[in-house]
Each structure stands twice: as structure tokens, then as C-alpha cells.
Amino acid sequence: MPAALDRIRVGSAPDSWGVWFPDDPLQVPWHRFLDEVSASGYEWIELGPYGYLPTDPARLTEETGRRGLKVSAGTVFTALHRGPATHEATWEHVSRVAALTRDMGARHLVVIPSFWRDDKTAEIVEPRELTAEQWAHLTGGTEWLSRRVREEYGLDVVVHPHADTHIDTEENVARFLDGTDPGLVNLCLDTGHYAYCGGDSVKLIETYGERIGYLHLKQVDPEVLTQVVREGTPFGPAVRQGVMCEPPLGEPALEPVLEAAQGLGVELFAIVEQDMYPCPPERPLPIAERTRRFLRSCGA
């Protein structure tokens, strides 16, 4: 039997049910997601895109509570590299999500940088590399946001490196971490996105362990990824091609990632996210059940 990963709290998210948007006819209804994630054996969920789940805290508390579910985090998208001119609009969006996240008893806010190319059309909307000034805006703006979110809502910001954003590769993740205050800004390490961008999750945990505040568990199909990299496929179409796959069929192996995270000696959420938008409505539940069994076999 594997050693018990008693510091790792496992959950899942709307993303694993093919949910990317607040409202979309291709997605399962929110009540079906709640029913099925509970049936899969998970106790923790994320809010997903704001507006997908009910945004009234009393109603959402009732809906999650009667299914034995609790909320681990909310998620926001930001474009802080564009400078202080974006801060007012950023805060207007962030404050709504942060308030619901706090009211649901969660402690984390996952912050995802904006994409440099459109994930649907593949249109290049910004240069792939940031200038020195933009890096300063990104790091300084993230510190500003983290401080304000903590002061006003009591939440910890964890920044999510993501494919087709400016925080992606090992080099850019290290640059971002080295440029931000460890007392304010930590990382949501998404094992699938980091592998998609060529990174080694175990190495990152061993090198920047004190900055790992949250985990997303995900795997990539190495054969599909090779094709995606060769052809320069944007992230959205790559997902439709199956680049993110069901554990334990892809990379990275999750057992050593979980062991390394357990070795940090702190409590961490590890939320399963298998990108598969769009997907048939009957597909997510069997995958979720198998993934939960697999994670139990790892000691989680």
C-alpha cells in the first residue's frame, strides 16, 4: 500500500465536466455537475467560471451542503501585464468572485493570466513575450491584487501558469516567482499545463516548494502534445484533439508529484482538472469515478 497522503485534500472542478463558460449549451447543467461530482466520491470543488454555479451564497451553500460538497477556491482571469490602467476593471470582476469564494468558506483565489492568442480562433492578440516594462506591470500588479484580496476578503492568491499565457515555461514561471513577494504571491501548480509547456512539476516543487500553495492535477497525452507543438496548435483546438487525458494514461506521472507535495509538510488542495471542452454529457462521470479510484490507489 502507498503511504497515506494525509496533507493532500483531493477535489474536482467544473472543468472536468467540460465547463469553460458561465453559460453554454454544450455544457452540462450545473445541478448535474454537482450531482455527479458528489457521486464520484469527491468532497471539494471549485466554483468554475463565475456564474456557472449559483452566485447567491445562501443558495449555493444549500445546494453544495445537501450533496456533501465544500468549495476550495474561486477562479479569475486577469491582464495585469497591461498596467495600472486595467486595475479598476480587474477589481470589479475579482471582487465579485472573491466575495462568493469567501462566503463559501474557501481560502484560495486562483488567478489565471490572460491569453496571448485566442483559444477559439487562434488569432494572435498580443506578442508572445512580454517586455521588461510589462513584466514589471505583471509582477507589481499581482502583488497589488494579492494584497487587496487578502486585506478585503481574507483569501490567498495562487497564480496559475497556463498554456498560451505569458506565465507558461519553466523560465517564465521562475522569472515570475523571483519577481514577486513570497509573502503575497504563491503558485497554483497545474501539472498538465506545466507539462504542456515543457516543465517538470517535481523539479518545481523541489526548487520552489515554499511557493506552491495549491495544485491542479492534470495530464497530457505525449503523442498529441508532440503534434500540437509541431503544428503550433492553440490551446483550445489542442484540447479538442485530446491533449489533456485521463490519469494515469498521460504525463507527468502523478504519484511522484503527490509524494513531493506531501513532503512539503503543509496542507494542500489537489484539484482534478481534465480539460475536455466540449464533451458529450455522459463522458465526465465515468472518468471522474476512475480518476478518484486511481488517486485513492496513490494514497490520496
Protein backbone atom coordinates (compact mmCIF):
# COMPACT_ATOMS: atom_id res chain seq x y z
CA MET A 1 0.00 0.00 0.00
CA PRO A 2 1.26 3.53 -0.75
CA ALA A 3 1.91 5.90 2.12
CA ALA A 4 -1.14 7.96 3.06
CA LEU A 5 -1.03 11.43 1.57
CA ASP A 6 -2.62 12.91 4.66
CA ARG A 7 -1.75 16.51 3.81
CA ILE A 8 -3.36 16.39 0.37
CA ARG A 9 -7.06 17.23 0.05
CA VAL A 10 -8.38 15.98 -3.28
CA GLY A 11 -11.26 17.51 -5.20
CA SER A 12 -12.56 18.17 -8.70
CA ALA A 13 -13.89 21.11 -10.68
CA PRO A 14 -16.41 22.06 -13.38
CA ASP A 15 -13.52 21.92 -15.85
CA SER A 16 -13.53 18.12 -15.52
CA TRP A 17 -17.14 18.18 -16.72
CA GLY A 18 -16.26 20.17 -19.84
CA VAL A 19 -17.27 23.52 -18.34
CA TRP A 20 -15.35 26.56 -19.56
CA PHE A 21 -18.03 29.26 -19.63
CA PRO A 22 -20.75 30.59 -17.32
CA ASP A 23 -23.44 29.59 -19.79
CA ASP A 24 -23.03 27.39 -22.84
CA PRO A 25 -25.44 24.91 -24.47
CA LEU A 26 -22.58 22.44 -24.95
CA GLN A 27 -22.02 22.17 -21.19
CA VAL A 28 -23.80 20.04 -18.60
CA PRO A 29 -26.20 21.97 -16.34
CA TRP A 30 -24.72 23.00 -13.01
CA HIS A 31 -27.01 20.76 -10.94
CA ARG A 32 -25.90 17.72 -12.93
CA PHE A 33 -22.27 18.64 -12.30
CA LEU A 34 -22.91 18.87 -8.54
CA ASP A 35 -24.80 15.56 -8.51
CA GLU A 36 -22.10 13.74 -10.45
CA VAL A 37 -19.05 15.18 -8.71
CA SER A 38 -20.59 14.10 -5.40
CA ALA A 39 -21.40 10.65 -6.79
CA SER A 40 -17.78 10.33 -7.90
CA GLY A 41 -16.57 10.44 -4.31
CA TYR A 42 -15.20 13.98 -4.12
CA GLU A 43 -15.93 16.38 -1.27
CA TRP A 44 -14.18 19.50 -2.58
CA ILE A 45 -14.98 21.55 -5.68
CA GLU A 46 -14.00 24.85 -7.26
CA LEU A 47 -16.53 27.44 -8.37
CA GLY A 48 -15.50 27.30 -12.03
CA PRO A 49 -16.39 30.25 -14.29
CA TYR A 50 -18.29 32.84 -12.28
CA GLY A 51 -21.99 32.48 -12.96
CA TYR A 52 -21.97 28.77 -13.83
CA LEU A 53 -22.89 27.77 -10.28
CA PRO A 54 -25.45 29.87 -8.41
CA THR A 55 -23.86 33.13 -7.24
CA ASP A 56 -26.17 33.59 -4.25
CA PRO A 57 -24.12 32.23 -1.33
CA ALA A 58 -27.17 31.02 0.60
CA ARG A 59 -28.48 29.04 -2.33
CA LEU A 60 -25.07 27.64 -3.27
CA THR A 61 -24.42 26.67 0.36
CA GLU A 62 -27.69 24.75 0.39
CA GLU A 63 -27.01 23.06 -2.95
CA THR A 64 -23.47 22.01 -2.05
CA GLY A 65 -24.27 21.13 1.54
CA ARG A 66 -27.01 18.64 0.72
CA ARG A 67 -24.58 16.88 -1.61
CA GLY A 68 -21.75 16.79 0.94
CA LEU A 69 -19.61 19.25 -1.03
CA LYS A 70 -17.36 22.14 0.02
CA VAL A 71 -15.66 24.86 -2.03
CA SER A 72 -11.87 25.08 -2.14
CA ALA A 73 -11.36 28.11 -4.44
CA GLY A 74 -12.71 30.59 -6.94
CA THR A 75 -11.05 31.49 -10.24
CA VAL A 76 -10.45 34.77 -12.07
CA PHE A 77 -8.72 35.80 -15.30
CA THR A 78 -6.55 38.92 -15.30
CA ALA A 79 -4.45 41.01 -17.69
CA LEU A 80 -2.23 42.71 -15.13
CA HIS A 81 0.73 42.96 -17.53
CA ARG A 82 -1.17 45.78 -19.25
CA GLY A 83 -0.52 48.06 -16.31
CA PRO A 84 -2.42 50.10 -13.70
CA ALA A 85 -5.00 51.23 -16.27
CA THR A 86 -6.52 47.74 -16.01
CA HIS A 87 -6.75 47.67 -12.22
CA GLU A 88 -10.20 49.19 -11.81
CA ALA A 89 -11.86 46.78 -14.24
CA THR A 90 -9.84 43.90 -12.80
CA TRP A 91 -11.02 44.66 -9.29
CA GLU A 92 -14.65 44.95 -10.38
CA HIS A 93 -14.52 41.35 -11.62
CA VAL A 94 -12.23 39.97 -8.92
CA SER A 95 -14.24 41.42 -6.04
CA ARG A 96 -17.42 39.59 -7.12
CA VAL A 97 -15.66 36.25 -7.33
CA ALA A 98 -13.69 36.84 -4.13
CA ALA A 99 -16.84 37.69 -2.18
CA LEU A 100 -18.56 34.45 -3.23
CA THR A 101 -15.39 32.45 -2.60
CA ARG A 102 -15.12 33.87 0.93
CA ASP A 103 -18.82 33.38 1.63
CA MET A 104 -18.48 29.72 0.67
CA GLY A 105 -15.75 29.26 3.27
CA ALA A 106 -12.88 28.85 0.81
CA ARG A 107 -9.44 30.37 1.33
CA HIS A 108 -7.91 30.50 -2.17
CA LEU A 109 -8.40 32.55 -5.30
CA VAL A 110 -6.85 31.06 -8.44
CA VAL A 111 -5.59 33.80 -10.77
CA ILE A 112 -5.04 32.91 -14.45
CA PRO A 113 -3.18 35.33 -16.76
CA SER A 114 -4.87 36.40 -19.99
CA PHE A 115 -4.09 34.52 -23.21
CA TRP A 116 -1.75 35.97 -25.84
CA ARG A 117 -3.77 34.23 -28.56
CA ASP A 118 -7.46 33.50 -28.77
CA ASP A 119 -8.16 29.93 -27.66
CA LYS A 120 -11.03 29.59 -30.15
CA THR A 121 -9.89 31.43 -33.27
CA ALA A 122 -6.10 31.15 -32.78
CA GLU A 123 -5.84 34.86 -33.53
CA ILE A 124 -2.66 36.39 -32.08
CA VAL A 125 -3.95 39.14 -29.81
CA GLU A 126 -0.65 40.13 -28.17
CA PRO A 127 3.07 39.35 -28.54
CA ARG A 128 4.05 36.04 -27.01
CA GLU A 129 6.88 37.56 -24.97
CA LEU A 130 6.48 40.43 -22.53
CA THR A 131 8.71 43.49 -22.47
CA ALA A 132 10.62 44.36 -19.30
CA GLU A 133 8.01 47.03 -18.55
CA GLN A 134 5.19 44.53 -18.97
CA TRP A 135 6.94 42.07 -16.66
CA ALA A 136 7.13 44.83 -14.05
CA HIS A 137 3.43 45.53 -14.52
CA LEU A 138 2.65 41.82 -14.18
CA THR A 139 4.64 41.23 -11.00
CA GLY A 140 3.73 44.52 -9.37
CA GLY A 141 0.09 44.22 -10.35
CA THR A 142 -0.12 40.69 -8.98
CA GLU A 143 1.29 41.89 -5.66
CA TRP A 144 -1.26 44.73 -5.62
CA LEU A 145 -4.10 42.30 -6.31
CA SER A 146 -2.87 39.74 -3.78
CA ARG A 147 -2.56 42.33 -1.04
CA ARG A 148 -6.01 43.77 -1.67
CA VAL A 149 -7.69 40.36 -1.92
CA ARG A 150 -6.11 39.32 1.37
CA GLU A 151 -6.99 42.56 3.16
CA GLU A 152 -10.58 42.78 1.95
CA TYR A 153 -11.59 39.12 1.62
CA GLY A 154 -9.08 37.08 3.62
CA LEU A 155 -8.12 34.95 0.62
CA ASP A 156 -4.72 33.80 -0.61
CA VAL A 157 -3.98 34.39 -4.29
CA VAL A 158 -2.39 31.47 -6.16
CA VAL A 159 -1.30 32.24 -9.71
CA HIS A 160 -1.90 29.54 -12.32
CA PRO A 161 0.75 29.11 -15.07
CA HIS A 162 -1.25 28.29 -18.18
CA ALA A 163 -0.69 27.36 -21.82
CA ASP A 164 -0.85 30.28 -24.27
CA THR A 165 -0.25 32.84 -21.50
CA HIS A 166 2.88 34.72 -20.51
CA ILE A 167 3.43 32.57 -17.42
CA ASP A 168 4.00 29.20 -19.03
CA THR A 169 7.50 27.72 -19.36
CA GLU A 170 9.98 26.86 -16.62
CA GLU A 171 11.90 30.04 -17.44
CA ASN A 172 8.87 32.31 -17.26
CA VAL A 173 7.48 30.69 -14.12
CA ALA A 174 10.84 31.12 -12.38
CA ARG A 175 11.05 34.74 -13.55
CA PHE A 176 7.57 35.42 -12.20
CA LEU A 177 8.29 33.79 -8.83
CA ASP A 178 11.65 35.51 -8.47
CA GLY A 179 9.98 38.85 -9.23
CA THR A 180 7.15 38.61 -6.68
CA ASP A 181 6.97 38.76 -2.89
CA PRO A 182 6.73 35.24 -1.39
CA GLY A 183 4.65 36.71 1.41
CA LEU A 184 1.98 37.79 -1.06
CA VAL A 185 2.09 35.62 -4.18
CA ASN A 186 2.17 31.85 -4.47
CA LEU A 187 1.54 29.37 -7.25
CA CYS A 188 -1.26 27.09 -8.33
CA LEU A 189 0.82 24.39 -9.99
CA ASP A 190 -1.21 22.78 -12.75
CA THR A 191 0.70 19.62 -13.61
CA GLY A 192 -0.86 19.32 -17.07
CA HIS A 193 -0.31 22.91 -18.17
CA TYR A 194 3.23 22.87 -16.85
CA ALA A 195 4.00 19.66 -18.78
CA TYR A 196 2.26 21.11 -21.86
CA CYS A 197 4.78 23.98 -21.70
CA GLY A 198 7.77 21.69 -21.12
CA GLY A 199 8.05 21.97 -17.34
CA ASP A 200 8.90 19.37 -14.68
CA SER A 201 6.42 19.55 -11.79
CA VAL A 202 8.52 17.55 -9.32
CA LYS A 203 11.53 19.76 -10.02
CA LEU A 204 9.42 22.88 -9.49
CA ILE A 205 8.13 21.57 -6.15
CA GLU A 206 11.67 20.71 -5.07
CA THR A 207 13.04 24.10 -6.18
CA TYR A 208 10.22 26.46 -5.19
CA GLY A 209 8.41 24.35 -2.61
CA GLU A 210 7.64 27.28 -0.32
CA ARG A 211 5.79 28.98 -3.21
CA ILE A 212 3.48 26.05 -4.01
CA GLY A 213 0.13 26.98 -2.49
CA TYR A 214 -2.29 24.85 -4.48
CA LEU A 215 -2.33 22.05 -7.06
CA HIS A 216 -4.33 21.21 -10.16
CA LEU A 217 -3.92 17.57 -11.16
CA LYS A 218 -3.90 17.05 -14.91
CA GLN A 219 -2.03 15.02 -17.52
CA VAL A 220 -1.11 15.48 -21.17
CA ASP A 221 -1.11 12.86 -23.89
CA PRO A 222 2.52 12.96 -25.08
CA GLU A 223 1.72 11.87 -28.64
CA VAL A 224 -0.95 14.53 -29.09
CA LEU A 225 1.31 17.12 -27.44
CA THR A 226 4.10 16.35 -29.88
CA GLN A 227 1.74 17.05 -32.76
CA VAL A 228 0.40 20.20 -31.08
CA VAL A 229 3.90 21.60 -30.58
CA ARG A 230 4.98 20.66 -34.10
CA GLU A 231 1.96 22.35 -35.68
CA GLY A 232 1.74 25.31 -33.30
CA THR A 233 -1.85 24.45 -32.38
CA PRO A 234 -3.57 26.88 -29.98
CA PHE A 235 -4.71 25.57 -26.63
CA GLY A 236 -8.46 25.40 -27.37
CA PRO A 237 -8.13 23.27 -30.51
CA ALA A 238 -5.44 21.18 -28.75
CA VAL A 239 -7.95 20.31 -26.04
CA ARG A 240 -10.46 19.27 -28.68
CA GLN A 241 -7.75 17.00 -30.10
CA GLY A 242 -7.43 15.31 -26.68
CA VAL A 243 -4.14 16.79 -25.49
CA MET A 244 -5.34 16.58 -21.89
CA CYS A 245 -6.06 12.98 -20.98
CA GLU A 246 -7.40 10.83 -18.20
CA PRO A 247 -4.95 9.84 -15.42
CA PRO A 248 -2.91 7.70 -15.28
CA LEU A 249 -2.67 7.45 -19.07
CA GLY A 250 -0.51 10.55 -19.65
CA GLU A 251 2.29 12.68 -18.27
CA PRO A 252 3.52 13.66 -15.77
CA ALA A 253 3.16 10.65 -13.52
CA LEU A 254 1.08 11.93 -10.61
CA GLU A 255 2.43 9.63 -7.90
CA PRO A 256 5.83 11.40 -7.60
CA VAL A 257 4.15 14.81 -7.84
CA LEU A 258 1.85 13.95 -4.93
CA GLU A 259 4.72 12.49 -2.93
CA ALA A 260 6.80 15.64 -3.46
CA ALA A 261 3.84 17.80 -2.45
CA GLN A 262 3.25 15.69 0.66
CA GLY A 263 6.92 16.17 1.53
CA LEU A 264 6.45 19.93 1.78
CA GLY A 265 4.81 19.37 5.15
CA VAL A 266 1.86 21.70 4.53
CA GLU A 267 -1.78 21.09 3.72
CA LEU A 268 -2.53 21.45 0.03
CA PHE A 269 -5.58 21.12 -2.15
CA ALA A 270 -5.10 18.94 -5.24
CA ILE A 271 -8.00 19.59 -7.57
CA VAL A 272 -8.51 17.33 -10.59
CA GLU A 273 -8.99 19.27 -13.83
CA GLN A 274 -9.19 17.39 -17.09
CA ASP A 275 -9.75 19.93 -19.86
CA MET A 276 -12.17 18.47 -22.37
CA TYR A 277 -14.38 21.21 -23.73
CA PRO A 278 -16.66 20.39 -25.40
CA CYS A 279 -17.55 16.84 -24.46
CA PRO A 280 -20.61 14.58 -24.55
CA PRO A 281 -22.61 14.96 -21.31
CA GLU A 282 -22.29 11.27 -20.45
CA ARG A 283 -18.49 11.26 -20.68
CA PRO A 284 -17.29 13.03 -17.48
CA LEU A 285 -18.83 10.86 -14.75
CA PRO A 286 -17.11 7.53 -15.60
CA ILE A 287 -13.78 9.34 -16.00
CA ALA A 288 -14.26 11.09 -12.64
CA GLU A 289 -15.02 7.79 -10.91
CA ARG A 290 -11.96 6.10 -12.41
CA THR A 291 -9.73 9.08 -11.56
CA ARG A 292 -10.93 9.10 -7.96
CA ARG A 293 -10.15 5.37 -7.65
CA PHE A 294 -6.71 5.97 -9.15
CA LEU A 295 -5.95 8.77 -6.67
CA ARG A 296 -7.03 6.54 -3.78
CA SER A 297 -4.59 3.94 -5.04
CA CYS A 298 -1.89 6.62 -4.77
CA GLY A 299 -2.77 7.20 -1.11
CA ALA A 300 -4.87 10.33 -1.60
